[in-house]
Amino acid sequence: MTKGPPSRDSNRVGTELAPLAVPAAGYELCYECDGKRICIYCRGRGQLANGNRCSTCHGDGRCIVCNGAGELPEGSEKTADEASR
């Protein structure tokens, strides 16, 4: 049985997700958030400095690439780079 990435809620600390330091076997840290699991634009708050809802994560606060998991299957960064060329 292959184990996938941990659920978003498995590392919750209070209402925030703990940063991911070591990805599961077969996964790598997310290239967008570097394992921090949060939206890089609003820094996980869901709101911008001016009080408006973050238009990137739509107020959710999670990373838009990994959806808060902090990790992606190995090779995801390379695939994304090739697709953007």
Foldseek 3Di string as FASTA:
>chain_A
DDDDFDDLPPQDDPNAHCFDDDTDPQKAFDPQPQRRQFDPQCCQQQAHPVGHGDPVVNSRGGHPPVNSRRIDGPPPVVVVVVVVD
